[in-house]
Amino acid sequence: MDTVFIRGLRVDTVIGIHDWEKAQPRPLILDLELATDAARAAATDHIDDALDYDAVARRIRREVTDNRAELIETLAERCAAVLREEFGIPWVRLRINKPGAIGVGIDVGIEIERGSRQND
């Protein structure tokens, strides 16, 4: 199994449990690792045979901004489900960083891993 990665995907959204967090959008930084079989895409050199990381990034941006969550744990689960269900990705590792969430220069976040990297 091969891995496509997207690192540093910035999405501005409203997220948090405190009133001050809900007052205005703030950045989230997402890092994704996505299992794929790159052999066919390499052989054909055609996007239809590849995991389209632009489409993935656009869909994740839409999920983050359109389906507001209070907790990054909820958001991470939703994003992982979208990736696995809509793109057929068998395994995903997703990290969400919420910069400055508990003070200037202090980042917090979550990293989840869903699915299996094994070829079926």
N, C-alpha and C. Protein backbone atom coordinates (compact mmCIF):
# COMPACT_ATOMS: atom_id res chain seq x y z
N MET A 1 0.85 -1.18 0.00
CA MET A 1 0.00 0.00 0.00
C MET A 1 0.89 1.23 0.00
N ASP A 2 0.56 2.18 -0.84
CA ASP A 2 1.29 3.43 -0.95
C ASP A 2 0.56 4.50 -0.14
N THR A 3 1.20 5.64 0.01
CA THR A 3 0.60 6.72 0.81
C THR A 3 0.69 8.04 0.05
N VAL A 4 -0.45 8.69 -0.07
CA VAL A 4 -0.51 10.08 -0.54
C VAL A 4 -0.65 10.93 0.70
N PHE A 5 0.10 12.02 0.77
CA PHE A 5 -0.03 12.89 1.93
C PHE A 5 -0.35 14.32 1.53
N ILE A 6 -1.06 14.97 2.40
CA ILE A 6 -1.35 16.40 2.29
C ILE A 6 -0.96 16.98 3.63
N ARG A 7 -0.03 17.90 3.64
CA ARG A 7 0.43 18.49 4.89
C ARG A 7 0.21 20.00 4.87
N GLY A 8 -0.23 20.50 6.02
CA GLY A 8 -0.37 21.95 6.16
C GLY A 8 -1.60 22.53 5.50
N LEU A 9 -2.66 21.73 5.37
CA LEU A 9 -3.90 22.22 4.78
C LEU A 9 -4.58 23.15 5.78
N ARG A 10 -4.59 24.42 5.47
CA ARG A 10 -5.15 25.42 6.39
C ARG A 10 -6.60 25.68 6.01
N VAL A 11 -7.46 25.63 7.03
CA VAL A 11 -8.87 25.91 6.84
C VAL A 11 -9.30 26.83 7.97
N ASP A 12 -9.85 27.98 7.62
CA ASP A 12 -10.38 28.89 8.64
C ASP A 12 -11.83 28.53 8.90
N THR A 13 -12.15 28.33 10.17
CA THR A 13 -13.51 27.92 10.54
C THR A 13 -13.80 28.33 11.98
N VAL A 14 -15.05 28.25 12.33
CA VAL A 14 -15.47 28.49 13.71
C VAL A 14 -15.54 27.14 14.40
N ILE A 15 -14.76 26.99 15.48
CA ILE A 15 -14.77 25.74 16.23
C ILE A 15 -14.37 26.03 17.67
N GLY A 16 -15.00 25.33 18.58
CA GLY A 16 -14.66 25.50 19.99
C GLY A 16 -15.90 25.47 20.86
N ILE A 17 -15.66 25.34 22.16
CA ILE A 17 -16.77 25.27 23.12
C ILE A 17 -17.00 26.59 23.83
N HIS A 18 -16.02 27.47 23.79
CA HIS A 18 -16.13 28.75 24.50
C HIS A 18 -16.74 29.82 23.59
N ASP A 19 -17.46 30.76 24.20
CA ASP A 19 -18.09 31.83 23.42
C ASP A 19 -17.08 32.61 22.61
N TRP A 20 -15.89 32.88 23.18
CA TRP A 20 -14.88 33.65 22.46
C TRP A 20 -14.38 32.88 21.23
N GLU A 21 -14.41 31.54 21.28
CA GLU A 21 -13.99 30.75 20.13
C GLU A 21 -15.03 30.79 19.02
N LYS A 22 -16.29 30.98 19.40
CA LYS A 22 -17.39 31.00 18.43
C LYS A 22 -17.59 32.37 17.80
N ALA A 23 -16.82 33.36 18.26
CA ALA A 23 -17.01 34.73 17.80
C ALA A 23 -16.47 34.98 16.40
N GLN A 24 -15.43 34.24 16.02
CA GLN A 24 -14.86 34.47 14.69
C GLN A 24 -14.08 33.24 14.23
N PRO A 25 -13.93 33.10 12.92
CA PRO A 25 -13.16 31.97 12.40
C PRO A 25 -11.71 32.03 12.87
N ARG A 26 -11.14 30.84 13.02
CA ARG A 26 -9.73 30.72 13.37
C ARG A 26 -9.14 29.58 12.53
N PRO A 27 -7.86 29.56 12.37
CA PRO A 27 -7.28 28.52 11.51
C PRO A 27 -7.17 27.16 12.19
N LEU A 28 -7.38 26.15 11.40
CA LEU A 28 -7.03 24.79 11.74
C LEU A 28 -6.02 24.34 10.69
N ILE A 29 -5.05 23.55 11.09
CA ILE A 29 -4.06 23.02 10.16
C ILE A 29 -4.24 21.51 10.15
N LEU A 30 -4.49 20.95 8.96
CA LEU A 30 -4.71 19.51 8.84
C LEU A 30 -3.57 18.86 8.07
N ASP A 31 -3.15 17.72 8.56
CA ASP A 31 -2.19 16.86 7.88
C ASP A 31 -2.87 15.52 7.65
N LEU A 32 -2.81 15.03 6.42
CA LEU A 32 -3.47 13.78 6.07
C LEU A 32 -2.48 12.81 5.45
N GLU A 33 -2.61 11.55 5.80
CA GLU A 33 -1.92 10.46 5.13
C GLU A 33 -3.00 9.50 4.68
N LEU A 34 -2.97 9.16 3.40
CA LEU A 34 -4.06 8.40 2.78
C LEU A 34 -3.49 7.19 2.04
N ALA A 35 -3.96 6.01 2.43
CA ALA A 35 -3.49 4.79 1.75
C ALA A 35 -4.08 4.71 0.36
N THR A 36 -3.26 4.31 -0.58
CA THR A 36 -3.70 4.14 -1.97
C THR A 36 -2.77 3.16 -2.66
N ASP A 37 -3.19 2.68 -3.78
CA ASP A 37 -2.32 1.85 -4.63
C ASP A 37 -1.96 2.72 -5.83
N ALA A 38 -0.75 3.20 -5.85
CA ALA A 38 -0.32 4.13 -6.89
C ALA A 38 0.16 3.46 -8.17
N ALA A 39 0.20 2.15 -8.22
CA ALA A 39 0.75 1.44 -9.38
C ALA A 39 -0.01 1.74 -10.67
N ARG A 40 -1.33 1.69 -10.62
CA ARG A 40 -2.12 1.92 -11.85
C ARG A 40 -1.93 3.36 -12.35
N ALA A 41 -1.97 4.32 -11.43
CA ALA A 41 -1.77 5.72 -11.82
C ALA A 41 -0.38 5.91 -12.43
N ALA A 42 0.60 5.27 -11.84
CA ALA A 42 1.96 5.38 -12.37
C ALA A 42 2.05 4.79 -13.78
N ALA A 43 1.35 3.70 -14.00
CA ALA A 43 1.40 3.04 -15.31
C ALA A 43 0.66 3.83 -16.38
N THR A 44 -0.48 4.43 -16.02
CA THR A 44 -1.29 5.12 -17.03
C THR A 44 -1.00 6.61 -17.11
N ASP A 45 -0.45 7.17 -16.05
CA ASP A 45 -0.17 8.60 -15.97
C ASP A 45 -1.45 9.41 -16.17
N HIS A 46 -2.57 8.90 -15.60
CA HIS A 46 -3.87 9.55 -15.76
C HIS A 46 -4.51 9.77 -14.41
N ILE A 47 -5.05 10.96 -14.20
CA ILE A 47 -5.63 11.35 -12.91
C ILE A 47 -6.79 10.45 -12.50
N ASP A 48 -7.52 9.89 -13.47
CA ASP A 48 -8.64 9.01 -13.13
C ASP A 48 -8.19 7.75 -12.41
N ASP A 49 -6.92 7.42 -12.52
CA ASP A 49 -6.38 6.23 -11.86
C ASP A 49 -5.62 6.57 -10.58
N ALA A 50 -5.66 7.83 -10.20
CA ALA A 50 -4.92 8.29 -9.02
C ALA A 50 -5.89 8.79 -7.96
N LEU A 51 -5.38 8.92 -6.76
CA LEU A 51 -6.13 9.60 -5.70
C LEU A 51 -5.91 11.09 -5.92
N ASP A 52 -6.96 11.77 -6.28
CA ASP A 52 -6.89 13.19 -6.64
C ASP A 52 -6.80 14.04 -5.38
N TYR A 53 -5.58 14.43 -5.01
CA TYR A 53 -5.39 15.16 -3.75
C TYR A 53 -6.02 16.54 -3.79
N ASP A 54 -6.19 17.13 -4.97
CA ASP A 54 -6.90 18.41 -5.05
C ASP A 54 -8.38 18.23 -4.68
N ALA A 55 -8.99 17.18 -5.21
CA ALA A 55 -10.39 16.89 -4.86
C ALA A 55 -10.53 16.57 -3.38
N VAL A 56 -9.58 15.84 -2.84
CA VAL A 56 -9.59 15.52 -1.41
C VAL A 56 -9.51 16.80 -0.59
N ALA A 57 -8.58 17.67 -0.92
CA ALA A 57 -8.41 18.92 -0.17
C ALA A 57 -9.66 19.79 -0.25
N ARG A 58 -10.25 19.90 -1.44
CA ARG A 58 -11.47 20.70 -1.58
C ARG A 58 -12.61 20.13 -0.75
N ARG A 59 -12.74 18.81 -0.74
CA ARG A 59 -13.83 18.17 0.02
C ARG A 59 -13.63 18.33 1.53
N ILE A 60 -12.40 18.20 1.98
CA ILE A 60 -12.13 18.36 3.41
C ILE A 60 -12.35 19.81 3.83
N ARG A 61 -11.93 20.76 3.02
CA ARG A 61 -12.21 22.17 3.32
C ARG A 61 -13.71 22.40 3.48
N ARG A 62 -14.49 21.83 2.57
CA ARG A 62 -15.94 21.99 2.63
C ARG A 62 -16.51 21.33 3.89
N GLU A 63 -16.02 20.16 4.24
CA GLU A 63 -16.50 19.47 5.44
C GLU A 63 -16.22 20.29 6.69
N VAL A 64 -15.03 20.85 6.77
CA VAL A 64 -14.63 21.62 7.96
C VAL A 64 -15.45 22.90 8.08
N THR A 65 -15.70 23.58 6.97
CA THR A 65 -16.40 24.87 7.05
C THR A 65 -17.92 24.73 7.09
N ASP A 66 -18.47 23.71 6.45
CA ASP A 66 -19.92 23.58 6.36
C ASP A 66 -20.56 22.85 7.53
N ASN A 67 -19.86 21.94 8.14
CA ASN A 67 -20.41 21.11 9.20
C ASN A 67 -19.72 21.41 10.51
N ARG A 68 -20.10 22.52 11.08
CA ARG A 68 -19.43 23.00 12.29
C ARG A 68 -19.55 22.01 13.45
N ALA A 69 -18.44 21.86 14.12
CA ALA A 69 -18.38 21.03 15.32
C ALA A 69 -17.80 21.90 16.43
N GLU A 70 -18.07 21.53 17.65
CA GLU A 70 -17.46 22.23 18.78
C GLU A 70 -16.11 21.63 19.12
N LEU A 71 -15.97 20.31 18.94
CA LEU A 71 -14.74 19.62 19.32
C LEU A 71 -13.96 19.17 18.09
N ILE A 72 -12.64 19.26 18.17
CA ILE A 72 -11.82 18.78 17.05
C ILE A 72 -11.90 17.26 16.94
N GLU A 73 -12.23 16.58 18.03
CA GLU A 73 -12.41 15.13 17.97
C GLU A 73 -13.57 14.78 17.04
N THR A 74 -14.66 15.51 17.16
CA THR A 74 -15.83 15.30 16.29
C THR A 74 -15.47 15.59 14.85
N LEU A 75 -14.78 16.69 14.63
CA LEU A 75 -14.39 17.08 13.29
C LEU A 75 -13.46 16.05 12.66
N ALA A 76 -12.52 15.53 13.42
CA ALA A 76 -11.60 14.52 12.91
C ALA A 76 -12.35 13.27 12.47
N GLU A 77 -13.28 12.81 13.29
CA GLU A 77 -14.06 11.62 12.93
C GLU A 77 -14.87 11.86 11.66
N ARG A 78 -15.48 13.03 11.55
CA ARG A 78 -16.27 13.34 10.35
C ARG A 78 -15.39 13.35 9.10
N CYS A 79 -14.23 13.97 9.21
CA CYS A 79 -13.33 14.04 8.05
C CYS A 79 -12.83 12.65 7.66
N ALA A 80 -12.47 11.83 8.63
CA ALA A 80 -12.01 10.47 8.33
C ALA A 80 -13.11 9.67 7.65
N ALA A 81 -14.34 9.82 8.12
CA ALA A 81 -15.46 9.10 7.51
C ALA A 81 -15.68 9.54 6.07
N VAL A 82 -15.61 10.84 5.82
CA VAL A 82 -15.76 11.36 4.45
C VAL A 82 -14.69 10.77 3.54
N LEU A 83 -13.46 10.77 3.98
CA LEU A 83 -12.36 10.26 3.18
C LEU A 83 -12.54 8.78 2.85
N ARG A 84 -12.92 8.00 3.83
CA ARG A 84 -13.07 6.57 3.63
C ARG A 84 -14.30 6.25 2.78
N GLU A 85 -15.40 6.94 3.03
CA GLU A 85 -16.65 6.62 2.32
C GLU A 85 -16.70 7.21 0.91
N GLU A 86 -16.35 8.48 0.77
CA GLU A 86 -16.51 9.14 -0.53
C GLU A 86 -15.36 8.89 -1.50
N PHE A 87 -14.17 8.63 -0.96
CA PHE A 87 -13.01 8.42 -1.82
C PHE A 87 -12.53 6.98 -1.82
N GLY A 88 -13.17 6.13 -1.01
CA GLY A 88 -12.79 4.72 -0.96
C GLY A 88 -11.40 4.49 -0.40
N ILE A 89 -10.97 5.36 0.48
CA ILE A 89 -9.63 5.25 1.06
C ILE A 89 -9.69 4.23 2.20
N PRO A 90 -8.90 3.16 2.12
CA PRO A 90 -9.00 2.11 3.14
C PRO A 90 -8.39 2.47 4.50
N TRP A 91 -7.44 3.40 4.50
CA TRP A 91 -6.75 3.78 5.74
C TRP A 91 -6.41 5.27 5.68
N VAL A 92 -6.64 5.95 6.78
CA VAL A 92 -6.31 7.37 6.86
C VAL A 92 -5.72 7.68 8.22
N ARG A 93 -4.71 8.50 8.21
CA ARG A 93 -4.19 9.12 9.44
C ARG A 93 -4.42 10.62 9.26
N LEU A 94 -5.09 11.21 10.23
CA LEU A 94 -5.48 12.61 10.15
C LEU A 94 -5.05 13.33 11.42
N ARG A 95 -4.37 14.43 11.25
CA ARG A 95 -3.97 15.27 12.38
C ARG A 95 -4.61 16.63 12.19
N ILE A 96 -5.24 17.12 13.25
CA ILE A 96 -5.79 18.47 13.24
C ILE A 96 -5.10 19.26 14.33
N ASN A 97 -4.50 20.38 13.93
CA ASN A 97 -3.79 21.27 14.84
C ASN A 97 -4.62 22.54 14.98
N LYS A 98 -4.85 22.94 16.23
CA LYS A 98 -5.61 24.16 16.52
C LYS A 98 -4.62 25.15 17.15
N PRO A 99 -3.90 25.91 16.31
CA PRO A 99 -2.87 26.82 16.81
C PRO A 99 -3.41 27.85 17.79
N GLY A 100 -2.68 28.05 18.87
CA GLY A 100 -3.02 29.08 19.83
C GLY A 100 -4.26 28.81 20.65
N ALA A 101 -4.73 27.58 20.68
CA ALA A 101 -6.00 27.26 21.34
C ALA A 101 -5.98 27.53 22.84
N ILE A 102 -4.81 27.37 23.45
CA ILE A 102 -4.75 27.61 24.90
C ILE A 102 -3.68 28.64 25.24
N GLY A 103 -3.38 29.49 24.28
CA GLY A 103 -2.43 30.57 24.51
C GLY A 103 -1.57 30.80 23.29
N VAL A 104 -1.03 31.98 23.20
CA VAL A 104 -0.19 32.35 22.07
C VAL A 104 1.01 31.40 21.99
N GLY A 105 1.21 30.85 20.82
CA GLY A 105 2.34 29.97 20.60
C GLY A 105 2.15 28.55 21.10
N ILE A 106 0.96 28.23 21.60
CA ILE A 106 0.70 26.88 22.10
C ILE A 106 -0.31 26.22 21.18
N ASP A 107 0.09 25.13 20.58
CA ASP A 107 -0.78 24.39 19.69
C ASP A 107 -1.35 23.17 20.43
N VAL A 108 -2.58 22.84 20.12
CA VAL A 108 -3.19 21.60 20.58
C VAL A 108 -3.80 20.91 19.39
N GLY A 109 -4.08 19.65 19.53
CA GLY A 109 -4.69 18.97 18.41
C GLY A 109 -4.98 17.53 18.71
N ILE A 110 -5.31 16.83 17.65
CA ILE A 110 -5.62 15.40 17.74
C ILE A 110 -5.09 14.72 16.50
N GLU A 111 -4.72 13.47 16.66
CA GLU A 111 -4.34 12.64 15.53
C GLU A 111 -5.11 11.33 15.65
N ILE A 112 -5.81 10.98 14.59
CA ILE A 112 -6.54 9.72 14.58
C ILE A 112 -6.10 8.89 13.38
N GLU A 113 -6.31 7.61 13.49
CA GLU A 113 -6.01 6.67 12.42
C GLU A 113 -7.22 5.75 12.30
N ARG A 114 -7.75 5.64 11.10
CA ARG A 114 -8.92 4.81 10.87
C ARG A 114 -8.70 3.90 9.67
N GLY A 115 -9.22 2.70 9.75
CA GLY A 115 -9.14 1.75 8.65
C GLY A 115 -7.92 0.86 8.76
N SER A 116 -7.59 0.21 7.64
CA SER A 116 -6.49 -0.73 7.59
C SER A 116 -5.62 -0.46 6.37
N ARG A 117 -4.33 -0.59 6.54
CA ARG A 117 -3.39 -0.41 5.43
C ARG A 117 -3.21 -1.70 4.62
N GLN A 118 -3.80 -2.77 5.05
CA GLN A 118 -3.63 -4.05 4.40
C GLN A 118 -4.36 -4.10 3.06
N ASN A 119 -3.76 -4.73 2.08
CA ASN A 119 -4.45 -4.97 0.81
C ASN A 119 -5.45 -6.09 1.02
N ASP A 120 -6.66 -5.89 0.55
CA ASP A 120 -7.68 -6.94 0.69
C ASP A 120 -7.77 -7.77 -0.56
